Amino acid sequence: MLSLTVAALGKQLDANITRSTTPVDSETVQGYVSRLAARFQAGLHTSVVDKLHDPVALPGGYVFIPVSLLLSANSEAEFAGVLAQTIAPGKTPFSNTGSISIIFIGGDPPPRAMELETDIAAVRIMSGAGFDPAALLQYIQRRQPPDAERIAALQEAIRDLPPVGLTDSSEFHRIQAIVRPAPPSLLR
């Protein structure tokens, strides 16, 4: 029987995704996303890449962010919201105990209860980092099919959080300007 530690499995999956994607060749972009992710959780290994539709979180703290996500967000808080959602408890395929739950890479979406739990965890993470959690709700409403139950659950969770104000930064828009011409000029 083959036995892998969570870290070894994460490293192996990281190598697979790294081989099938191309990282953005900009220390400015990679550094920005790493600093933002560190506001949510220390020790993450982030990479902004092409060829992914959705962000992917792997065991051991490996997180892949599609360059398209940077471009589809209208504000830094929206981008931060999707990043928080990616690493939120309930969605990440690892826990503090080192055990592995289920890894969703493509295929069917996670069960409904897991999606709602992840959304609520994400808005709490955002609020704790000083971002306006309503930005995640705005992103979901704009980019995903309408879902009254999900919207109501997010609105309720946001209502219970202390007010915060950070929604945008000039650095985020500078990063978007760098990645906008990405395919020919910035991807290795």
N, C-alpha and C. Protein backbone atom coordinates (compact mmCIF):
# COMPACT_ATOMS: atom_id res chain seq x y z
N MET A 1 0.83 -1.18 0.00
CA MET A 1 0.00 0.00 0.00
C MET A 1 0.88 1.25 0.00
N LEU A 2 0.59 2.17 -0.91
CA LEU A 2 1.35 3.40 -1.02
C LEU A 2 0.80 4.42 -0.04
N SER A 3 1.68 4.99 0.76
CA SER A 3 1.26 5.98 1.73
C SER A 3 2.03 7.27 1.49
N LEU A 4 1.29 8.36 1.30
CA LEU A 4 1.89 9.67 1.11
C LEU A 4 1.48 10.60 2.24
N THR A 5 2.38 11.43 2.68
CA THR A 5 2.00 12.46 3.64
C THR A 5 1.24 13.54 2.89
N VAL A 6 0.54 14.37 3.60
CA VAL A 6 -0.18 15.47 2.98
C VAL A 6 0.79 16.35 2.20
N ALA A 7 1.93 16.66 2.79
CA ALA A 7 2.91 17.52 2.13
C ALA A 7 3.44 16.86 0.86
N ALA A 8 3.72 15.56 0.91
CA ALA A 8 4.23 14.85 -0.28
C ALA A 8 3.18 14.82 -1.38
N LEU A 9 1.93 14.58 -1.01
CA LEU A 9 0.86 14.57 -2.00
C LEU A 9 0.72 15.95 -2.63
N GLY A 10 0.74 16.98 -1.80
CA GLY A 10 0.66 18.34 -2.32
C GLY A 10 1.79 18.66 -3.27
N LYS A 11 2.99 18.26 -2.91
CA LYS A 11 4.15 18.51 -3.77
C LYS A 11 4.01 17.79 -5.11
N GLN A 12 3.50 16.56 -5.07
CA GLN A 12 3.30 15.77 -6.29
C GLN A 12 2.22 16.42 -7.18
N LEU A 13 1.11 16.82 -6.59
CA LEU A 13 0.06 17.48 -7.36
C LEU A 13 0.52 18.83 -7.88
N ASP A 14 1.30 19.55 -7.07
CA ASP A 14 1.88 20.83 -7.50
C ASP A 14 2.73 20.62 -8.75
N ALA A 15 3.55 19.59 -8.76
CA ALA A 15 4.41 19.32 -9.93
C ALA A 15 3.56 19.03 -11.16
N ASN A 16 2.46 18.30 -11.00
CA ASN A 16 1.58 17.99 -12.13
C ASN A 16 0.96 19.25 -12.72
N ILE A 17 0.44 20.13 -11.85
CA ILE A 17 -0.18 21.36 -12.35
C ILE A 17 0.88 22.28 -12.93
N THR A 18 2.03 22.35 -12.30
CA THR A 18 3.11 23.20 -12.80
C THR A 18 3.52 22.79 -14.21
N ARG A 19 3.55 21.48 -14.48
CA ARG A 19 3.91 21.00 -15.83
C ARG A 19 2.85 21.35 -16.87
N SER A 20 1.60 21.47 -16.44
CA SER A 20 0.53 21.69 -17.42
C SER A 20 0.08 23.15 -17.52
N THR A 21 0.72 24.04 -16.79
CA THR A 21 0.39 25.46 -16.85
C THR A 21 1.66 26.26 -17.09
N THR A 22 1.47 27.54 -17.34
CA THR A 22 2.61 28.44 -17.52
C THR A 22 2.46 29.59 -16.53
N PRO A 23 3.45 29.79 -15.65
CA PRO A 23 3.33 30.90 -14.69
C PRO A 23 3.55 32.25 -15.36
N VAL A 24 2.90 33.27 -14.84
CA VAL A 24 3.13 34.62 -15.31
C VAL A 24 4.57 34.98 -14.96
N ASP A 25 5.31 35.42 -15.93
CA ASP A 25 6.73 35.73 -15.77
C ASP A 25 6.90 37.18 -15.31
N SER A 26 6.40 37.46 -14.13
CA SER A 26 6.51 38.80 -13.56
C SER A 26 6.61 38.68 -12.05
N GLU A 27 7.76 39.05 -11.50
CA GLU A 27 7.92 39.03 -10.05
C GLU A 27 6.94 39.99 -9.37
N THR A 28 6.60 41.07 -10.05
CA THR A 28 5.67 42.05 -9.50
C THR A 28 4.30 41.40 -9.29
N VAL A 29 3.80 40.69 -10.31
CA VAL A 29 2.49 40.04 -10.23
C VAL A 29 2.52 38.92 -9.19
N GLN A 30 3.53 38.05 -9.28
CA GLN A 30 3.61 36.92 -8.36
C GLN A 30 3.76 37.41 -6.91
N GLY A 31 4.57 38.44 -6.71
CA GLY A 31 4.77 38.99 -5.37
C GLY A 31 3.50 39.60 -4.80
N TYR A 32 2.76 40.32 -5.63
CA TYR A 32 1.51 40.93 -5.19
C TYR A 32 0.53 39.85 -4.71
N VAL A 33 0.34 38.81 -5.51
CA VAL A 33 -0.60 37.76 -5.15
C VAL A 33 -0.12 37.02 -3.89
N SER A 34 1.17 36.78 -3.77
CA SER A 34 1.71 36.13 -2.57
C SER A 34 1.47 36.96 -1.32
N ARG A 35 1.70 38.27 -1.41
CA ARG A 35 1.46 39.15 -0.25
C ARG A 35 -0.01 39.18 0.13
N LEU A 36 -0.88 39.23 -0.87
CA LEU A 36 -2.31 39.24 -0.60
C LEU A 36 -2.74 37.93 0.06
N ALA A 37 -2.28 36.81 -0.47
CA ALA A 37 -2.63 35.49 0.10
C ALA A 37 -2.11 35.36 1.53
N ALA A 38 -0.95 35.93 1.82
CA ALA A 38 -0.37 35.85 3.16
C ALA A 38 -1.22 36.60 4.19
N ARG A 39 -2.01 37.57 3.74
CA ARG A 39 -2.91 38.27 4.66
C ARG A 39 -4.01 37.33 5.15
N PHE A 40 -4.29 36.29 4.39
CA PHE A 40 -5.34 35.34 4.75
C PHE A 40 -4.79 34.12 5.48
N GLN A 41 -3.65 33.65 5.03
CA GLN A 41 -3.07 32.43 5.62
C GLN A 41 -1.57 32.42 5.35
N ALA A 42 -0.78 32.25 6.39
CA ALA A 42 0.67 32.19 6.24
C ALA A 42 1.09 30.87 5.60
N GLY A 43 2.21 30.89 4.92
CA GLY A 43 2.80 29.66 4.40
C GLY A 43 2.23 29.14 3.10
N LEU A 44 1.42 29.93 2.41
CA LEU A 44 0.90 29.49 1.12
C LEU A 44 1.95 29.66 0.04
N HIS A 45 1.92 28.78 -0.93
CA HIS A 45 2.81 28.86 -2.09
C HIS A 45 1.90 29.18 -3.27
N THR A 46 1.83 30.46 -3.65
CA THR A 46 0.91 30.86 -4.71
C THR A 46 1.63 31.00 -6.04
N SER A 47 0.89 30.77 -7.10
CA SER A 47 1.41 30.96 -8.44
C SER A 47 0.27 31.41 -9.35
N VAL A 48 0.49 32.50 -10.07
CA VAL A 48 -0.47 32.98 -11.07
C VAL A 48 -0.09 32.33 -12.38
N VAL A 49 -1.07 31.62 -12.97
CA VAL A 49 -0.78 30.81 -14.16
C VAL A 49 -1.86 30.99 -15.22
N ASP A 50 -1.57 30.46 -16.41
CA ASP A 50 -2.56 30.40 -17.47
C ASP A 50 -3.22 29.02 -17.45
N LYS A 51 -4.10 28.75 -18.36
CA LYS A 51 -4.70 27.43 -18.60
C LYS A 51 -5.55 26.87 -17.47
N LEU A 52 -5.89 27.65 -16.49
CA LEU A 52 -6.82 27.20 -15.45
C LEU A 52 -8.07 28.07 -15.55
N HIS A 53 -9.22 27.44 -15.33
CA HIS A 53 -10.47 28.20 -15.33
C HIS A 53 -10.76 28.75 -13.93
N ASP A 54 -10.51 27.94 -12.91
CA ASP A 54 -10.77 28.32 -11.52
C ASP A 54 -9.49 28.18 -10.70
N PRO A 55 -9.41 28.92 -9.59
CA PRO A 55 -8.26 28.74 -8.69
C PRO A 55 -8.27 27.32 -8.12
N VAL A 56 -7.08 26.82 -7.79
CA VAL A 56 -6.93 25.48 -7.24
C VAL A 56 -6.07 25.56 -5.98
N ALA A 57 -6.56 24.95 -4.88
CA ALA A 57 -5.78 24.84 -3.65
C ALA A 57 -5.46 23.37 -3.44
N LEU A 58 -4.20 23.09 -3.13
CA LEU A 58 -3.73 21.72 -2.96
C LEU A 58 -3.20 21.50 -1.54
N PRO A 59 -3.09 20.24 -1.13
CA PRO A 59 -2.49 19.95 0.18
C PRO A 59 -1.09 20.57 0.27
N GLY A 60 -0.74 21.01 1.44
CA GLY A 60 0.56 21.62 1.65
C GLY A 60 0.58 23.11 1.37
N GLY A 61 -0.57 23.69 1.02
CA GLY A 61 -0.65 25.13 0.83
C GLY A 61 -0.29 25.63 -0.56
N TYR A 62 -0.31 24.77 -1.56
CA TYR A 62 -0.04 25.19 -2.94
C TYR A 62 -1.33 25.74 -3.53
N VAL A 63 -1.28 26.97 -4.05
CA VAL A 63 -2.46 27.62 -4.60
C VAL A 63 -2.12 28.16 -5.98
N PHE A 64 -2.94 27.79 -6.96
CA PHE A 64 -2.78 28.26 -8.33
C PHE A 64 -3.93 29.20 -8.66
N ILE A 65 -3.59 30.39 -9.13
CA ILE A 65 -4.57 31.42 -9.46
C ILE A 65 -4.51 31.66 -10.97
N PRO A 66 -5.64 31.49 -11.66
CA PRO A 66 -5.63 31.76 -13.10
C PRO A 66 -5.50 33.26 -13.36
N VAL A 67 -4.70 33.60 -14.35
CA VAL A 67 -4.52 35.00 -14.71
C VAL A 67 -5.87 35.62 -15.07
N SER A 68 -6.78 34.83 -15.59
CA SER A 68 -8.11 35.33 -15.96
C SER A 68 -8.87 35.86 -14.74
N LEU A 69 -8.61 35.32 -13.57
CA LEU A 69 -9.28 35.80 -12.35
C LEU A 69 -8.84 37.23 -12.04
N LEU A 70 -7.57 37.52 -12.20
CA LEU A 70 -7.09 38.89 -11.98
C LEU A 70 -7.82 39.87 -12.90
N LEU A 71 -8.09 39.43 -14.11
CA LEU A 71 -8.73 40.31 -15.08
C LEU A 71 -10.24 40.39 -14.92
N SER A 72 -10.87 39.37 -14.37
CA SER A 72 -12.33 39.37 -14.24
C SER A 72 -12.82 40.10 -13.00
N ALA A 73 -11.95 40.31 -12.04
CA ALA A 73 -12.34 41.03 -10.81
C ALA A 73 -12.41 42.53 -11.10
N ASN A 74 -13.45 43.18 -10.59
CA ASN A 74 -13.59 44.63 -10.76
C ASN A 74 -12.84 45.43 -9.72
N SER A 75 -12.41 44.77 -8.64
CA SER A 75 -11.71 45.47 -7.57
C SER A 75 -10.79 44.50 -6.84
N GLU A 76 -9.90 45.06 -6.05
CA GLU A 76 -9.01 44.23 -5.25
C GLU A 76 -9.80 43.37 -4.28
N ALA A 77 -10.87 43.92 -3.71
CA ALA A 77 -11.68 43.16 -2.76
C ALA A 77 -12.38 41.98 -3.44
N GLU A 78 -12.84 42.14 -4.67
CA GLU A 78 -13.43 41.01 -5.39
C GLU A 78 -12.39 39.91 -5.60
N PHE A 79 -11.21 40.31 -6.05
CA PHE A 79 -10.13 39.34 -6.25
C PHE A 79 -9.78 38.66 -4.93
N ALA A 80 -9.67 39.46 -3.87
CA ALA A 80 -9.36 38.91 -2.55
C ALA A 80 -10.45 37.94 -2.09
N GLY A 81 -11.70 38.25 -2.42
CA GLY A 81 -12.80 37.38 -2.04
C GLY A 81 -12.71 36.00 -2.68
N VAL A 82 -12.39 35.96 -3.95
CA VAL A 82 -12.27 34.66 -4.63
C VAL A 82 -11.03 33.93 -4.11
N LEU A 83 -9.97 34.65 -3.83
CA LEU A 83 -8.78 34.03 -3.24
C LEU A 83 -9.12 33.46 -1.86
N ALA A 84 -9.83 34.22 -1.04
CA ALA A 84 -10.23 33.75 0.29
C ALA A 84 -11.14 32.52 0.16
N GLN A 85 -12.01 32.54 -0.81
CA GLN A 85 -12.89 31.40 -1.05
C GLN A 85 -12.09 30.16 -1.43
N THR A 86 -11.02 30.35 -2.17
CA THR A 86 -10.18 29.23 -2.60
C THR A 86 -9.48 28.56 -1.42
N ILE A 87 -9.04 29.37 -0.47
CA ILE A 87 -8.28 28.80 0.66
C ILE A 87 -9.13 28.60 1.91
N ALA A 88 -10.43 28.94 1.82
CA ALA A 88 -11.30 28.84 2.99
C ALA A 88 -11.44 27.40 3.48
N PRO A 89 -11.55 27.23 4.79
CA PRO A 89 -11.83 25.90 5.33
C PRO A 89 -13.10 25.34 4.71
N GLY A 90 -13.07 24.06 4.42
CA GLY A 90 -14.22 23.45 3.78
C GLY A 90 -14.00 23.25 2.30
N LYS A 91 -13.13 24.08 1.71
CA LYS A 91 -12.83 23.92 0.29
C LYS A 91 -11.42 23.40 0.10
N THR A 92 -10.50 23.89 0.94
CA THR A 92 -9.14 23.43 0.79
C THR A 92 -9.06 21.95 1.12
N PRO A 93 -8.26 21.21 0.37
CA PRO A 93 -8.22 19.76 0.53
C PRO A 93 -7.30 19.30 1.65
N PHE A 94 -7.06 20.15 2.63
CA PHE A 94 -6.23 19.74 3.76
C PHE A 94 -6.74 20.44 5.00
N SER A 95 -6.46 19.88 6.12
CA SER A 95 -6.88 20.52 7.37
C SER A 95 -5.68 20.69 8.27
N ASN A 96 -5.88 21.36 9.37
CA ASN A 96 -4.78 21.57 10.32
C ASN A 96 -4.28 20.27 10.93
N THR A 97 -5.09 19.22 10.86
CA THR A 97 -4.68 17.94 11.43
C THR A 97 -3.81 17.15 10.46
N GLY A 98 -3.69 17.64 9.22
CA GLY A 98 -2.88 16.93 8.24
C GLY A 98 -3.66 15.87 7.49
N SER A 99 -4.94 15.75 7.78
CA SER A 99 -5.74 14.76 7.05
C SER A 99 -6.25 15.38 5.76
N ILE A 100 -6.58 14.53 4.82
CA ILE A 100 -7.04 14.99 3.52
C ILE A 100 -8.52 14.71 3.40
N SER A 101 -9.25 15.74 2.98
CA SER A 101 -10.65 15.50 2.67
C SER A 101 -10.76 15.21 1.18
N ILE A 102 -11.64 15.87 0.49
CA ILE A 102 -11.84 15.59 -0.93
C ILE A 102 -11.20 16.70 -1.73
N ILE A 103 -10.54 16.35 -2.81
CA ILE A 103 -9.92 17.32 -3.69
C ILE A 103 -10.80 17.45 -4.92
N PHE A 104 -11.27 18.67 -5.20
CA PHE A 104 -12.09 18.91 -6.38
C PHE A 104 -11.25 19.64 -7.40
N ILE A 105 -10.88 18.97 -8.46
CA ILE A 105 -10.18 19.61 -9.57
C ILE A 105 -11.02 19.29 -10.80
N GLY A 106 -11.78 20.26 -11.26
CA GLY A 106 -12.69 20.02 -12.38
C GLY A 106 -13.84 19.15 -11.93
N GLY A 107 -14.56 18.60 -12.87
CA GLY A 107 -15.65 17.70 -12.54
C GLY A 107 -16.81 18.43 -11.90
N ASP A 108 -17.62 17.69 -11.15
CA ASP A 108 -18.81 18.25 -10.52
C ASP A 108 -18.44 19.21 -9.40
N PRO A 109 -19.25 20.25 -9.20
CA PRO A 109 -18.97 21.17 -8.10
C PRO A 109 -19.18 20.48 -6.76
N PRO A 110 -18.60 21.05 -5.71
CA PRO A 110 -18.77 20.45 -4.38
C PRO A 110 -20.23 20.50 -3.96
N PRO A 111 -20.62 19.65 -3.01
CA PRO A 111 -21.99 19.65 -2.54
C PRO A 111 -22.41 21.02 -2.02
N ARG A 112 -23.68 21.28 -2.06
CA ARG A 112 -24.26 22.57 -1.70
C ARG A 112 -23.84 23.06 -0.31
N ALA A 113 -23.92 22.20 0.67
CA ALA A 113 -23.56 22.60 2.03
C ALA A 113 -22.10 23.05 2.11
N MET A 114 -21.23 22.36 1.39
CA MET A 114 -19.82 22.72 1.38
C MET A 114 -19.61 24.08 0.71
N GLU A 115 -20.35 24.35 -0.35
CA GLU A 115 -20.25 25.63 -1.04
C GLU A 115 -20.66 26.78 -0.12
N LEU A 116 -21.77 26.61 0.58
CA LEU A 116 -22.24 27.66 1.50
C LEU A 116 -21.27 27.85 2.67
N GLU A 117 -20.75 26.75 3.20
CA GLU A 117 -19.77 26.82 4.29
C GLU A 117 -18.51 27.57 3.83
N THR A 118 -18.08 27.30 2.62
CA THR A 118 -16.90 27.95 2.06
C THR A 118 -17.15 29.44 1.86
N ASP A 119 -18.32 29.79 1.33
CA ASP A 119 -18.66 31.21 1.14
C ASP A 119 -18.62 31.96 2.46
N ILE A 120 -19.23 31.39 3.48
CA ILE A 120 -19.29 32.05 4.79
C ILE A 120 -17.89 32.17 5.40
N ALA A 121 -17.09 31.12 5.28
CA ALA A 121 -15.71 31.19 5.77
C ALA A 121 -14.93 32.27 5.02
N ALA A 122 -15.16 32.37 3.72
CA ALA A 122 -14.43 33.35 2.90
C ALA A 122 -14.76 34.78 3.31
N VAL A 123 -16.03 35.10 3.56
CA VAL A 123 -16.35 36.47 3.95
C VAL A 123 -15.80 36.79 5.33
N ARG A 124 -15.72 35.80 6.20
CA ARG A 124 -15.09 36.02 7.52
C ARG A 124 -13.59 36.27 7.37
N ILE A 125 -12.95 35.48 6.50
CA ILE A 125 -11.52 35.66 6.24
C ILE A 125 -11.27 37.05 5.67
N MET A 126 -12.09 37.45 4.70
CA MET A 126 -11.95 38.78 4.09
C MET A 126 -12.08 39.88 5.13
N SER A 127 -13.12 39.79 5.94
CA SER A 127 -13.37 40.80 6.96
C SER A 127 -12.19 40.88 7.92
N GLY A 128 -11.68 39.73 8.33
CA GLY A 128 -10.54 39.69 9.25
C GLY A 128 -9.29 40.32 8.67
N ALA A 129 -9.18 40.31 7.33
CA ALA A 129 -8.01 40.90 6.67
C ALA A 129 -8.27 42.35 6.27
N GLY A 130 -9.46 42.87 6.61
CA GLY A 130 -9.76 44.27 6.33
C GLY A 130 -10.43 44.54 5.00
N PHE A 131 -10.83 43.49 4.27
CA PHE A 131 -11.50 43.68 2.99
C PHE A 131 -13.01 43.69 3.17
N ASP A 132 -13.69 44.44 2.33
CA ASP A 132 -15.14 44.49 2.35
C ASP A 132 -15.69 43.16 1.86
N PRO A 133 -16.32 42.36 2.73
CA PRO A 133 -16.81 41.04 2.32
C PRO A 133 -17.94 41.09 1.30
N ALA A 134 -18.60 42.24 1.18
CA ALA A 134 -19.66 42.37 0.19
C ALA A 134 -19.11 42.25 -1.23
N ALA A 135 -17.83 42.45 -1.40
CA ALA A 135 -17.22 42.33 -2.72
C ALA A 135 -17.31 40.91 -3.26
N LEU A 136 -17.19 39.92 -2.40
CA LEU A 136 -17.34 38.53 -2.86
C LEU A 136 -18.76 38.31 -3.37
N LEU A 137 -19.73 38.82 -2.65
CA LEU A 137 -21.11 38.71 -3.08
C LEU A 137 -21.31 39.39 -4.43
N GLN A 138 -20.73 40.56 -4.62
CA GLN A 138 -20.84 41.27 -5.90
C GLN A 138 -20.24 40.44 -7.04
N TYR A 139 -19.08 39.84 -6.76
CA TYR A 139 -18.41 39.02 -7.79
C TYR A 139 -19.29 37.82 -8.16
N ILE A 140 -19.81 37.14 -7.16
CA ILE A 140 -20.64 35.96 -7.40
C ILE A 140 -21.90 36.35 -8.18
N GLN A 141 -22.52 37.43 -7.81
CA GLN A 141 -23.74 37.87 -8.50
C GLN A 141 -23.45 38.23 -9.96
N ARG A 142 -22.30 38.78 -10.23
CA ARG A 142 -21.95 39.21 -11.57
C ARG A 142 -21.45 38.06 -12.44
N ARG A 143 -20.72 37.09 -11.85
CA ARG A 143 -20.00 36.10 -12.64
C ARG A 143 -20.60 34.69 -12.63
N GLN A 144 -21.56 34.42 -11.75
CA GLN A 144 -22.09 33.07 -11.63
C GLN A 144 -23.61 33.07 -11.79
N PRO A 145 -24.18 31.91 -12.10
CA PRO A 145 -25.64 31.85 -12.25
C PRO A 145 -26.35 32.28 -10.97
N PRO A 146 -27.50 32.97 -11.11
CA PRO A 146 -28.23 33.42 -9.93
C PRO A 146 -28.62 32.25 -9.02
N ASP A 147 -28.48 32.46 -7.72
CA ASP A 147 -28.79 31.43 -6.74
C ASP A 147 -29.28 32.13 -5.47
N ALA A 148 -30.59 32.17 -5.30
CA ALA A 148 -31.20 32.93 -4.20
C ALA A 148 -30.74 32.44 -2.83
N GLU A 149 -30.62 31.12 -2.65
CA GLU A 149 -30.21 30.58 -1.34
C GLU A 149 -28.78 31.01 -1.00
N ARG A 150 -27.90 30.93 -1.98
CA ARG A 150 -26.50 31.31 -1.76
C ARG A 150 -26.40 32.81 -1.47
N ILE A 151 -27.10 33.63 -2.23
CA ILE A 151 -27.08 35.08 -2.04
C ILE A 151 -27.59 35.43 -0.64
N ALA A 152 -28.70 34.82 -0.23
CA ALA A 152 -29.27 35.09 1.09
C ALA A 152 -28.32 34.68 2.21
N ALA A 153 -27.66 33.53 2.05
CA ALA A 153 -26.71 33.07 3.08
C ALA A 153 -25.53 34.02 3.19
N LEU A 154 -25.02 34.49 2.05
CA LEU A 154 -23.91 35.45 2.08
C LEU A 154 -24.34 36.77 2.69
N GLN A 155 -25.51 37.27 2.30
CA GLN A 155 -26.00 38.53 2.86
C GLN A 155 -26.13 38.45 4.38
N GLU A 156 -26.64 37.32 4.88
CA GLU A 156 -26.78 37.14 6.33
C GLU A 156 -25.41 37.09 7.01
N ALA A 157 -24.47 36.36 6.43
CA ALA A 157 -23.13 36.26 7.00
C ALA A 157 -22.44 37.62 7.02
N ILE A 158 -22.61 38.39 5.96
CA ILE A 158 -21.98 39.71 5.86
C ILE A 158 -22.60 40.66 6.88
N ARG A 159 -23.89 40.59 7.07
CA ARG A 159 -24.60 41.44 8.04
C ARG A 159 -24.06 41.26 9.45
N ASP A 160 -23.59 40.06 9.77
CA ASP A 160 -23.10 39.76 11.12
C ASP A 160 -21.64 40.17 11.35
N LEU A 161 -20.99 40.67 10.32
CA LEU A 161 -19.57 41.03 10.43
C LEU A 161 -19.40 42.51 10.73
N PRO A 162 -18.30 42.86 11.41
CA PRO A 162 -18.05 44.29 11.66
C PRO A 162 -17.76 45.00 10.34
N PRO A 163 -18.12 46.27 10.24
CA PRO A 163 -17.87 47.00 8.99
C PRO A 163 -16.38 47.17 8.73
N VAL A 164 -16.00 46.98 7.49
CA VAL A 164 -14.63 47.22 7.04
C VAL A 164 -14.71 47.98 5.72
N GLY A 165 -13.62 48.62 5.35
CA GLY A 165 -13.74 49.51 4.20
C GLY A 165 -12.87 49.22 3.00
N LEU A 166 -11.85 48.39 3.10
CA LEU A 166 -10.92 48.22 1.99
C LEU A 166 -11.59 47.49 0.83
N THR A 167 -11.71 48.18 -0.30
CA THR A 167 -12.31 47.54 -1.47
C THR A 167 -11.37 47.53 -2.66
N ASP A 168 -10.47 48.48 -2.71
CA ASP A 168 -9.65 48.60 -3.91
C ASP A 168 -8.31 49.24 -3.60
N SER A 169 -7.38 49.06 -4.54
CA SER A 169 -6.08 49.72 -4.41
C SER A 169 -5.54 50.02 -5.80
N SER A 170 -4.69 51.02 -5.87
CA SER A 170 -4.07 51.33 -7.16
C SER A 170 -3.12 50.20 -7.57
N GLU A 171 -2.54 49.50 -6.58
CA GLU A 171 -1.64 48.39 -6.91
C GLU A 171 -2.38 47.29 -7.67
N PHE A 172 -3.61 46.98 -7.27
CA PHE A 172 -4.39 45.96 -7.96
C PHE A 172 -4.58 46.33 -9.43
N HIS A 173 -4.93 47.57 -9.70
CA HIS A 173 -5.15 48.00 -11.08
C HIS A 173 -3.84 48.03 -11.87
N ARG A 174 -2.75 48.30 -11.20
CA ARG A 174 -1.43 48.23 -11.85
C ARG A 174 -1.12 46.78 -12.23
N ILE A 175 -1.45 45.84 -11.36
CA ILE A 175 -1.23 44.41 -11.63
C ILE A 175 -2.10 43.97 -12.80
N GLN A 176 -3.36 44.42 -12.83
CA GLN A 176 -4.23 44.10 -13.97
C GLN A 176 -3.63 44.61 -15.28
N ALA A 177 -3.08 45.81 -15.26
CA ALA A 177 -2.47 46.37 -16.47
C ALA A 177 -1.27 45.55 -16.92
N ILE A 178 -0.54 44.98 -15.98
CA ILE A 178 0.61 44.14 -16.34
C ILE A 178 0.15 42.85 -16.99
N VAL A 179 -0.89 42.21 -16.45
CA VAL A 179 -1.30 40.90 -16.98
C VAL A 179 -2.24 40.99 -18.18
N ARG A 180 -2.82 42.15 -18.44
CA ARG A 180 -3.77 42.27 -19.55
C ARG A 180 -3.18 41.77 -20.87
N PRO A 181 -1.95 42.11 -21.23
CA PRO A 181 -1.40 41.58 -22.49
C PRO A 181 -0.69 40.23 -22.30
N ALA A 182 -1.03 39.51 -21.26
CA ALA A 182 -0.28 38.34 -20.79
C ALA A 182 0.13 37.30 -21.82
N PRO A 183 -0.73 36.72 -22.61
CA PRO A 183 -0.27 35.56 -23.38
C PRO A 183 1.05 35.71 -24.13
N PRO A 184 1.23 36.67 -25.02
CA PRO A 184 2.50 36.68 -25.73
C PRO A 184 3.68 37.26 -24.95
N SER A 185 3.42 38.25 -24.11
CA SER A 185 4.54 38.97 -23.53
C SER A 185 4.93 38.56 -22.11
N LEU A 186 4.04 37.99 -21.34
CA LEU A 186 4.37 37.74 -19.95
C LEU A 186 4.38 36.28 -19.54
N LEU A 187 3.95 35.40 -20.37
CA LEU A 187 3.95 33.99 -20.00
C LEU A 187 5.15 33.31 -20.62
N ARG A 188 5.82 32.53 -19.79
CA ARG A 188 7.02 31.84 -20.29
C ARG A 188 6.63 30.81 -21.32
